[in-house]
Full PDB file with SEQRES, HELIX, SHEET, SSBOND, CRYST1, ORIGX, SCALE, CONECT and MASTER records, all heavy atoms in Angstrom:
SEQRES   1 A   31  ASN ASP TRP LEU VAL GLY GLY LEU GLY SER GLY GLN VAL          
SEQRES   2 A   31  SER VAL LEU SER GLN ALA HIS GLY GLY ALA SER HIS SER          
SEQRES   3 A   31  HIS LYS LEU GLU PHE                                          
HELIX    1 AA1 ASP A    2  GLY A    6  1                                   5    
CRYST1    1.000    1.000    1.000  90.00  90.00  90.00 P 1           1          
ORIGX1      1.000000  0.000000  0.000000        0.00000                         
ORIGX2      0.000000  1.000000  0.000000        0.00000                         
ORIGX3      0.000000  0.000000  1.000000        0.00000                         
SCALE1      1.000000  0.000000  0.000000        0.00000                         
SCALE2      0.000000  1.000000  0.000000        0.00000                         
SCALE3      0.000000  0.000000  1.000000        0.00000                         
ATOM      1  N   ASN A   1     119.984 159.968  43.812  1.00  0.00           N  
ATOM      2  CA  ASN A   1     119.953 160.986  42.767  1.00  0.00           C  
ATOM      3  C   ASN A   1     121.127 160.865  41.804  1.00  0.00           C  
ATOM      4  O   ASN A   1     120.972 161.031  40.593  1.00  0.00           O  
ATOM      5  CB  ASN A   1     119.933 162.388  43.397  1.00  0.00           C  
ATOM      6  CG  ASN A   1     118.524 162.823  43.770  1.00  0.00           C  
ATOM      7  OD1 ASN A   1     117.571 162.508  43.074  1.00  0.00           O  
ATOM      8  ND2 ASN A   1     118.406 163.534  44.869  1.00  0.00           N  
ATOM      9  N   ASP A   2     122.310 160.577  42.335  1.00  0.00           N  
ATOM     10  CA  ASP A   2     123.474 160.403  41.462  1.00  0.00           C  
ATOM     11  C   ASP A   2     123.303 159.176  40.575  1.00  0.00           C  
ATOM     12  O   ASP A   2     123.699 159.183  39.400  1.00  0.00           O  
ATOM     13  CB  ASP A   2     124.755 160.283  42.293  1.00  0.00           C  
ATOM     14  CG  ASP A   2     125.229 161.629  42.811  1.00  0.00           C  
ATOM     15  OD1 ASP A   2     125.197 162.596  42.038  1.00  0.00           O  
ATOM     16  OD2 ASP A   2     125.622 161.709  43.991  1.00  0.00           O  
ATOM     17  N   TRP A   3     122.718 158.109  41.151  1.00  0.00           N  
ATOM     18  CA  TRP A   3     122.482 156.905  40.356  1.00  0.00           C  
ATOM     19  C   TRP A   3     121.465 157.180  39.247  1.00  0.00           C  
ATOM     20  O   TRP A   3     121.640 156.747  38.098  1.00  0.00           O  
ATOM     21  CB  TRP A   3     121.984 155.780  41.260  1.00  0.00           C  
ATOM     22  CG  TRP A   3     121.553 154.563  40.495  1.00  0.00           C  
ATOM     23  CD1 TRP A   3     122.357 153.644  39.886  1.00  0.00           C  
ATOM     24  CD2 TRP A   3     120.201 154.152  40.237  1.00  0.00           C  
ATOM     25  NE1 TRP A   3     121.592 152.677  39.264  1.00  0.00           N  
ATOM     26  CE2 TRP A   3     120.270 152.967  39.462  1.00  0.00           C  
ATOM     27  CE3 TRP A   3     118.970 154.668  40.577  1.00  0.00           C  
ATOM     28  CZ2 TRP A   3     119.129 152.295  39.032  1.00  0.00           C  
ATOM     29  CZ3 TRP A   3     117.824 154.007  40.152  1.00  0.00           C  
ATOM     30  CH2 TRP A   3     117.918 152.829  39.393  1.00  0.00           C  
ATOM     31  N   LEU A   4     120.407 157.903  39.568  1.00  0.00           N  
ATOM     32  CA  LEU A   4     119.383 158.204  38.569  1.00  0.00           C  
ATOM     33  C   LEU A   4     119.941 159.025  37.409  1.00  0.00           C  
ATOM     34  O   LEU A   4     119.760 158.683  36.243  1.00  0.00           O  
ATOM     35  CB  LEU A   4     118.226 158.965  39.214  1.00  0.00           C  
ATOM     36  CG  LEU A   4     117.202 158.155  40.005  1.00  0.00           C  
ATOM     37  CD1 LEU A   4     116.232 159.084  40.736  1.00  0.00           C  
ATOM     38  CD2 LEU A   4     116.438 157.208  39.094  1.00  0.00           C  
ATOM     39  N   VAL A   5     120.636 160.120  37.734  1.00  0.00           N  
ATOM     40  CA  VAL A   5     121.134 160.994  36.686  1.00  0.00           C  
ATOM     41  C   VAL A   5     122.240 160.318  35.880  1.00  0.00           C  
ATOM     42  O   VAL A   5     122.468 160.650  34.708  1.00  0.00           O  
ATOM     43  CB  VAL A   5     121.605 162.341  37.283  1.00  0.00           C  
ATOM     44  CG1 VAL A   5     122.983 162.231  37.895  1.00  0.00           C  
ATOM     45  CG2 VAL A   5     121.546 163.454  36.251  1.00  0.00           C  
ATOM     46  N   GLY A   6     122.918 159.331  36.474  1.00  0.00           N  
ATOM     47  CA  GLY A   6     123.968 158.611  35.760  1.00  0.00           C  
ATOM     48  C   GLY A   6     123.450 157.817  34.579  1.00  0.00           C  
ATOM     49  O   GLY A   6     124.213 157.503  33.659  1.00  0.00           O  
ATOM     50  N   GLY A   7     122.156 157.503  34.570  1.00  0.00           N  
ATOM     51  CA  GLY A   7     121.581 156.748  33.464  1.00  0.00           C  
ATOM     52  C   GLY A   7     121.507 157.526  32.170  1.00  0.00           C  
ATOM     53  O   GLY A   7     121.280 156.950  31.102  1.00  0.00           O  
ATOM     54  N   LEU A   8     121.710 158.832  32.227  1.00  0.00           N  
ATOM     55  CA  LEU A   8     121.619 159.662  31.021  1.00  0.00           C  
ATOM     56  C   LEU A   8     122.955 159.783  30.302  1.00  0.00           C  
ATOM     57  O   LEU A   8     123.027 160.358  29.230  1.00  0.00           O  
ATOM     58  CB  LEU A   8     121.116 161.058  31.397  1.00  0.00           C  
ATOM     59  CG  LEU A   8     119.665 161.085  31.881  1.00  0.00           C  
ATOM     60  CD1 LEU A   8     119.392 162.371  32.642  1.00  0.00           C  
ATOM     61  CD2 LEU A   8     118.718 160.949  30.703  1.00  0.00           C  
ATOM     62  N   GLY A   9     124.010 159.266  30.909  1.00  0.00           N  
ATOM     63  CA  GLY A   9     125.324 159.348  30.290  1.00  0.00           C  
ATOM     64  C   GLY A   9     126.230 160.303  31.050  1.00  0.00           C  
ATOM     65  O   GLY A   9     125.827 160.940  32.021  1.00  0.00           O  
ATOM     66  N   SER A  10     127.467 160.407  30.592  1.00  0.00           N  
ATOM     67  CA  SER A  10     128.450 161.227  31.292  1.00  0.00           C  
ATOM     68  C   SER A  10     128.141 162.716  31.133  1.00  0.00           C  
ATOM     69  O   SER A  10     127.631 163.158  30.105  1.00  0.00           O  
ATOM     70  CB  SER A  10     129.859 160.927  30.771  1.00  0.00           C  
ATOM     71  OG  SER A  10     129.946 161.231  29.385  1.00  0.00           O  
ATOM     72  N   GLY A  11     128.454 163.462  32.162  1.00  0.00           N  
ATOM     73  CA  GLY A  11     128.216 164.897  32.127  1.00  0.00           C  
ATOM     74  C   GLY A  11     128.743 165.553  33.383  1.00  0.00           C  
ATOM     75  O   GLY A  11     129.257 164.885  34.283  1.00  0.00           O  
ATOM     76  N   GLN A  12     128.615 166.858  33.451  1.00  0.00           N  
ATOM     77  CA  GLN A  12     129.037 167.615  34.622  1.00  0.00           C  
ATOM     78  C   GLN A  12     127.847 167.722  35.557  1.00  0.00           C  
ATOM     79  O   GLN A  12     126.863 168.389  35.260  1.00  0.00           O  
ATOM     80  CB  GLN A  12     129.528 168.998  34.211  1.00  0.00           C  
ATOM     81  CG  GLN A  12     130.180 169.746  35.334  1.00  0.00           C  
ATOM     82  CD  GLN A  12     131.300 170.647  34.845  1.00  0.00           C  
ATOM     83  OE1 GLN A  12     131.431 170.895  33.672  1.00  0.00           O  
ATOM     84  NE2 GLN A  12     132.095 171.134  35.767  1.00  0.00           N  
ATOM     85  N   VAL A  13     127.947 167.042  36.720  1.00  0.00           N  
ATOM     86  CA  VAL A  13     126.824 166.952  37.654  1.00  0.00           C  
ATOM     87  C   VAL A  13     127.049 167.896  38.829  1.00  0.00           C  
ATOM     88  O   VAL A  13     128.144 167.954  39.398  1.00  0.00           O  
ATOM     89  CB  VAL A  13     126.653 165.505  38.171  1.00  0.00           C  
ATOM     90  CG1 VAL A  13     125.508 165.429  39.176  1.00  0.00           C  
ATOM     91  CG2 VAL A  13     126.395 164.558  37.003  1.00  0.00           C  
ATOM     92  N   SER A  14     126.016 168.654  39.168  1.00  0.00           N  
ATOM     93  CA  SER A  14     126.076 169.530  40.337  1.00  0.00           C  
ATOM     94  C   SER A  14     124.815 169.338  41.169  1.00  0.00           C  
ATOM     95  O   SER A  14     123.797 168.852  40.680  1.00  0.00           O  
ATOM     96  CB  SER A  14     126.220 171.002  39.919  1.00  0.00           C  
ATOM     97  OG  SER A  14     125.136 171.395  39.085  1.00  0.00           O  
ATOM     98  N   VAL A  15     124.896 169.711  42.436  1.00  0.00           N  
ATOM     99  CA  VAL A  15     123.773 169.566  43.370  1.00  0.00           C  
ATOM    100  C   VAL A  15     122.857 170.777  43.263  1.00  0.00           C  
ATOM    101  O   VAL A  15     123.329 171.918  43.214  1.00  0.00           O  
ATOM    102  CB  VAL A  15     124.289 169.415  44.814  1.00  0.00           C  
ATOM    103  CG1 VAL A  15     123.138 169.370  45.803  1.00  0.00           C  
ATOM    104  CG2 VAL A  15     125.151 168.170  44.933  1.00  0.00           C  
ATOM    105  N   LEU A  16     121.552 170.545  43.235  1.00  0.00           N  
ATOM    106  CA  LEU A  16     120.599 171.647  43.130  1.00  0.00           C  
ATOM    107  C   LEU A  16     120.374 172.337  44.469  1.00  0.00           C  
ATOM    108  O   LEU A  16     120.321 173.560  44.550  1.00  0.00           O  
ATOM    109  CB  LEU A  16     119.263 171.130  42.587  1.00  0.00           C  
ATOM    110  CG  LEU A  16     119.252 170.699  41.122  1.00  0.00           C  
ATOM    111  CD1 LEU A  16     117.898 170.122  40.750  1.00  0.00           C  
ATOM    112  CD2 LEU A  16     119.579 171.886  40.219  1.00  0.00           C  
ATOM    113  N   SER A  17     120.223 171.573  45.519  1.00  0.00           N  
ATOM    114  CA  SER A  17     119.992 172.129  46.855  1.00  0.00           C  
ATOM    115  C   SER A  17     121.075 171.600  47.788  1.00  0.00           C  
ATOM    116  O   SER A  17     121.013 170.459  48.237  1.00  0.00           O  
ATOM    117  CB  SER A  17     118.594 171.744  47.370  1.00  0.00           C  
ATOM    118  OG  SER A  17     118.365 172.278  48.656  1.00  0.00           O  
ATOM    119  N   GLN A  18     122.072 172.419  48.054  1.00  0.00           N  
ATOM    120  CA  GLN A  18     123.265 172.008  48.794  1.00  0.00           C  
ATOM    121  C   GLN A  18     122.946 171.619  50.237  1.00  0.00           C  
ATOM    122  O   GLN A  18     122.250 172.330  50.948  1.00  0.00           O  
ATOM    123  CB  GLN A  18     124.277 173.145  48.792  1.00  0.00           C  
ATOM    124  CG  GLN A  18     125.548 172.881  49.547  1.00  0.00           C  
ATOM    125  CD  GLN A  18     126.380 171.799  48.902  1.00  0.00           C  
ATOM    126  OE1 GLN A  18     126.788 171.909  47.759  1.00  0.00           O  
ATOM    127  NE2 GLN A  18     126.631 170.735  49.648  1.00  0.00           N  
ATOM    128  N   ALA A  19     123.467 170.468  50.657  1.00  0.00           N  
ATOM    129  CA  ALA A  19     123.343 170.049  52.063  1.00  0.00           C  
ATOM    130  C   ALA A  19     124.455 170.686  52.878  1.00  0.00           C  
ATOM    131  O   ALA A  19     125.543 170.961  52.370  1.00  0.00           O  
ATOM    132  CB  ALA A  19     123.413 168.527  52.169  1.00  0.00           C  
ATOM    133  N   HIS A  20     124.160 170.932  54.139  1.00  0.00           N  
ATOM    134  CA  HIS A  20     125.135 171.545  55.035  1.00  0.00           C  
ATOM    135  C   HIS A  20     125.334 170.685  56.272  1.00  0.00           C  
ATOM    136  O   HIS A  20     124.454 169.911  56.652  1.00  0.00           O  
ATOM    137  CB  HIS A  20     124.689 172.952  55.453  1.00  0.00           C  
ATOM    138  CG  HIS A  20     124.652 173.920  54.327  1.00  0.00           C  
ATOM    139  ND1 HIS A  20     123.626 173.958  53.394  1.00  0.00           N  
ATOM    140  CD2 HIS A  20     125.534 174.893  53.948  1.00  0.00           C  
ATOM    141  CE1 HIS A  20     123.875 174.905  52.507  1.00  0.00           C  
ATOM    142  NE2 HIS A  20     125.019 175.485  52.824  1.00  0.00           N  
ATOM    143  N   GLY A  21     126.499 170.828  56.883  1.00  0.00           N  
ATOM    144  CA  GLY A  21     126.801 170.076  58.095  1.00  0.00           C  
ATOM    145  C   GLY A  21     125.882 170.473  59.235  1.00  0.00           C  
ATOM    146  O   GLY A  21     125.446 171.624  59.323  1.00  0.00           O  
ATOM    147  N   GLY A  22     125.599 169.524  60.111  1.00  0.00           N  
ATOM    148  CA  GLY A  22     124.667 169.770  61.199  1.00  0.00           C  
ATOM    149  C   GLY A  22     125.352 170.192  62.480  1.00  0.00           C  
ATOM    150  O   GLY A  22     125.183 169.545  63.507  1.00  0.00           O  
ATOM    151  N   ALA A  23     126.148 171.264  62.449  1.00  0.00           N  
ATOM    152  CA  ALA A  23     126.836 171.725  63.654  1.00  0.00           C  
ATOM    153  C   ALA A  23     125.819 172.188  64.696  1.00  0.00           C  
ATOM    154  O   ALA A  23     124.831 172.842  64.371  1.00  0.00           O  
ATOM    155  CB  ALA A  23     127.782 172.868  63.310  1.00  0.00           C  
ATOM    156  N   SER A  24     126.074 171.846  65.960  1.00  0.00           N  
ATOM    157  CA  SER A  24     125.132 172.183  67.022  1.00  0.00           C  
ATOM    158  C   SER A  24     125.217 173.651  67.434  1.00  0.00           C  
ATOM    159  O   SER A  24     124.258 174.209  67.942  1.00  0.00           O  
ATOM    160  CB  SER A  24     125.374 171.297  68.252  1.00  0.00           C  
ATOM    161  OG  SER A  24     126.700 171.457  68.723  1.00  0.00           O  
ATOM    162  N   HIS A  25     126.390 174.293  67.221  1.00  0.00           N  
ATOM    163  CA  HIS A  25     126.559 175.683  67.621  1.00  0.00           C  
ATOM    164  C   HIS A  25     126.173 176.623  66.477  1.00  0.00           C  
ATOM    165  O   HIS A  25     126.642 176.471  65.353  1.00  0.00           O  
ATOM    166  CB  HIS A  25     127.991 175.947  68.061  1.00  0.00           C  
ATOM    167  CG  HIS A  25     128.351 175.210  69.313  1.00  0.00           C  
ATOM    168  ND1 HIS A  25     129.630 174.876  69.653  1.00  0.00           N  
ATOM    169  CD2 HIS A  25     127.583 174.730  70.326  1.00  0.00           C  
ATOM    170  CE1 HIS A  25     129.648 174.224  70.802  1.00  0.00           C  
ATOM    171  NE2 HIS A  25     128.415 174.129  71.216  1.00  0.00           N  
ATOM    172  N   SER A  26     125.309 177.596  66.790  1.00  0.00           N  
ATOM    173  CA  SER A  26     124.797 178.473  65.746  1.00  0.00           C  
ATOM    174  C   SER A  26     125.260 179.917  65.903  1.00  0.00           C  
ATOM    175  O   SER A  26     125.108 180.698  64.985  1.00  0.00           O  
ATOM    176  CB  SER A  26     123.268 178.440  65.752  1.00  0.00           C  
ATOM    177  OG  SER A  26     122.765 178.898  67.000  1.00  0.00           O  
ATOM    178  N   HIS A  27     125.791 180.292  67.082  1.00  0.00           N  
ATOM    179  CA  HIS A  27     126.204 181.673  67.305  1.00  0.00           C  
ATOM    180  C   HIS A  27     127.563 181.742  68.016  1.00  0.00           C  
ATOM    181  O   HIS A  27     127.907 180.838  68.779  1.00  0.00           O  
ATOM    182  CB  HIS A  27     125.161 182.424  68.140  1.00  0.00           C  
ATOM    183  CG  HIS A  27     123.881 182.655  67.410  1.00  0.00           C  
ATOM    184  ND1 HIS A  27     122.892 181.695  67.314  1.00  0.00           N  
ATOM    185  CD2 HIS A  27     123.437 183.743  66.730  1.00  0.00           C  
ATOM    186  CE1 HIS A  27     121.884 182.185  66.610  1.00  0.00           C  
ATOM    187  NE2 HIS A  27     122.183 183.412  66.248  1.00  0.00           N  
ATOM    188  N   LYS A  28     128.277 182.815  67.733  1.00  0.00           N  
ATOM    189  CA  LYS A  28     129.558 183.059  68.393  1.00  0.00           C  
ATOM    190  C   LYS A  28     129.483 184.413  69.092  1.00  0.00           C  
ATOM    191  O   LYS A  28     129.132 185.430  68.471  1.00  0.00           O  
ATOM    192  CB  LYS A  28     130.698 183.053  67.368  1.00  0.00           C  
ATOM    193  CG  LYS A  28     132.091 183.242  67.966  1.00  0.00           C  
ATOM    194  CD  LYS A  28     133.150 183.150  66.875  1.00  0.00           C  
ATOM    195  CE  LYS A  28     134.546 183.271  67.449  1.00  0.00           C  
ATOM    196  NZ  LYS A  28     135.587 183.173  66.395  1.00  0.00           N  
ATOM    197  N   LEU A  29     129.797 184.429  70.378  1.00  0.00           N  
ATOM    198  CA  LEU A  29     129.795 185.652  71.175  1.00  0.00           C  
ATOM    199  C   LEU A  29     131.232 185.999  71.534  1.00  0.00           C  
ATOM    200  O   LEU A  29     131.974 185.158  72.046  1.00  0.00           O  
ATOM    201  CB  LEU A  29     128.978 185.476  72.459  1.00  0.00           C  
ATOM    202  CG  LEU A  29     127.450 185.468  72.343  1.00  0.00           C  
ATOM    203  CD1 LEU A  29     126.950 184.258  71.572  1.00  0.00           C  
ATOM    204  CD2 LEU A  29     126.809 185.492  73.729  1.00  0.00           C  
ATOM    205  N   GLU A  30     131.634 187.233  71.256  1.00  0.00           N  
ATOM    206  CA  GLU A  30     132.976 187.692  71.585  1.00  0.00           C  
ATOM    207  C   GLU A  30     132.870 188.881  72.532  1.00  0.00           C  
ATOM    208  O   GLU A  30     132.069 189.800  72.307  1.00  0.00           O  
ATOM    209  CB  GLU A  30     133.741 188.065  70.313  1.00  0.00           C  
ATOM    210  CG  GLU A  30     134.011 186.873  69.394  1.00  0.00           C  
ATOM    211  CD  GLU A  30     134.841 187.236  68.184  1.00  0.00           C  
ATOM    212  OE1 GLU A  30     134.834 188.433  67.811  1.00  0.00           O  
ATOM    213  OE2 GLU A  30     135.493 186.347  67.616  1.00  0.00           O  
ATOM    214  N   PHE A  31     133.672 188.848  73.593  1.00  0.00           N  
ATOM    215  CA  PHE A  31     133.637 189.915  74.582  1.00  0.00           C  
ATOM    216  C   PHE A  31     134.958 189.933  75.348  1.00  0.00           C  
ATOM    217  O   PHE A  31     135.834 189.091  75.128  1.00  0.00           O  
ATOM    218  CB  PHE A  31     132.464 189.725  75.558  1.00  0.00           C  
ATOM    219  CG  PHE A  31     132.461 188.400  76.270  1.00  0.00           C  
ATOM    220  CD1 PHE A  31     133.044 188.254  77.524  1.00  0.00           C  
ATOM    221  CD2 PHE A  31     131.869 187.277  75.687  1.00  0.00           C  
ATOM    222  CE1 PHE A  31     133.045 187.035  78.188  1.00  0.00           C  
ATOM    223  CE2 PHE A  31     131.873 186.047  76.338  1.00  0.00           C  
ATOM    224  CZ  PHE A  31     132.453 185.927  77.590  1.00  0.00           C  
TER     225      PHE A  31                                                      
MASTER        0    0    0    1    0    0    0    6  224    1    0    3          
END                                                                             
């Protein structure tokens, strides 16, 4: 995607759908 959009010339590029890290832990329990 970065290579494709680079063909249009210089500009301010941002991601449309942000990727997130694949952490295995999804919940935190405190007691």
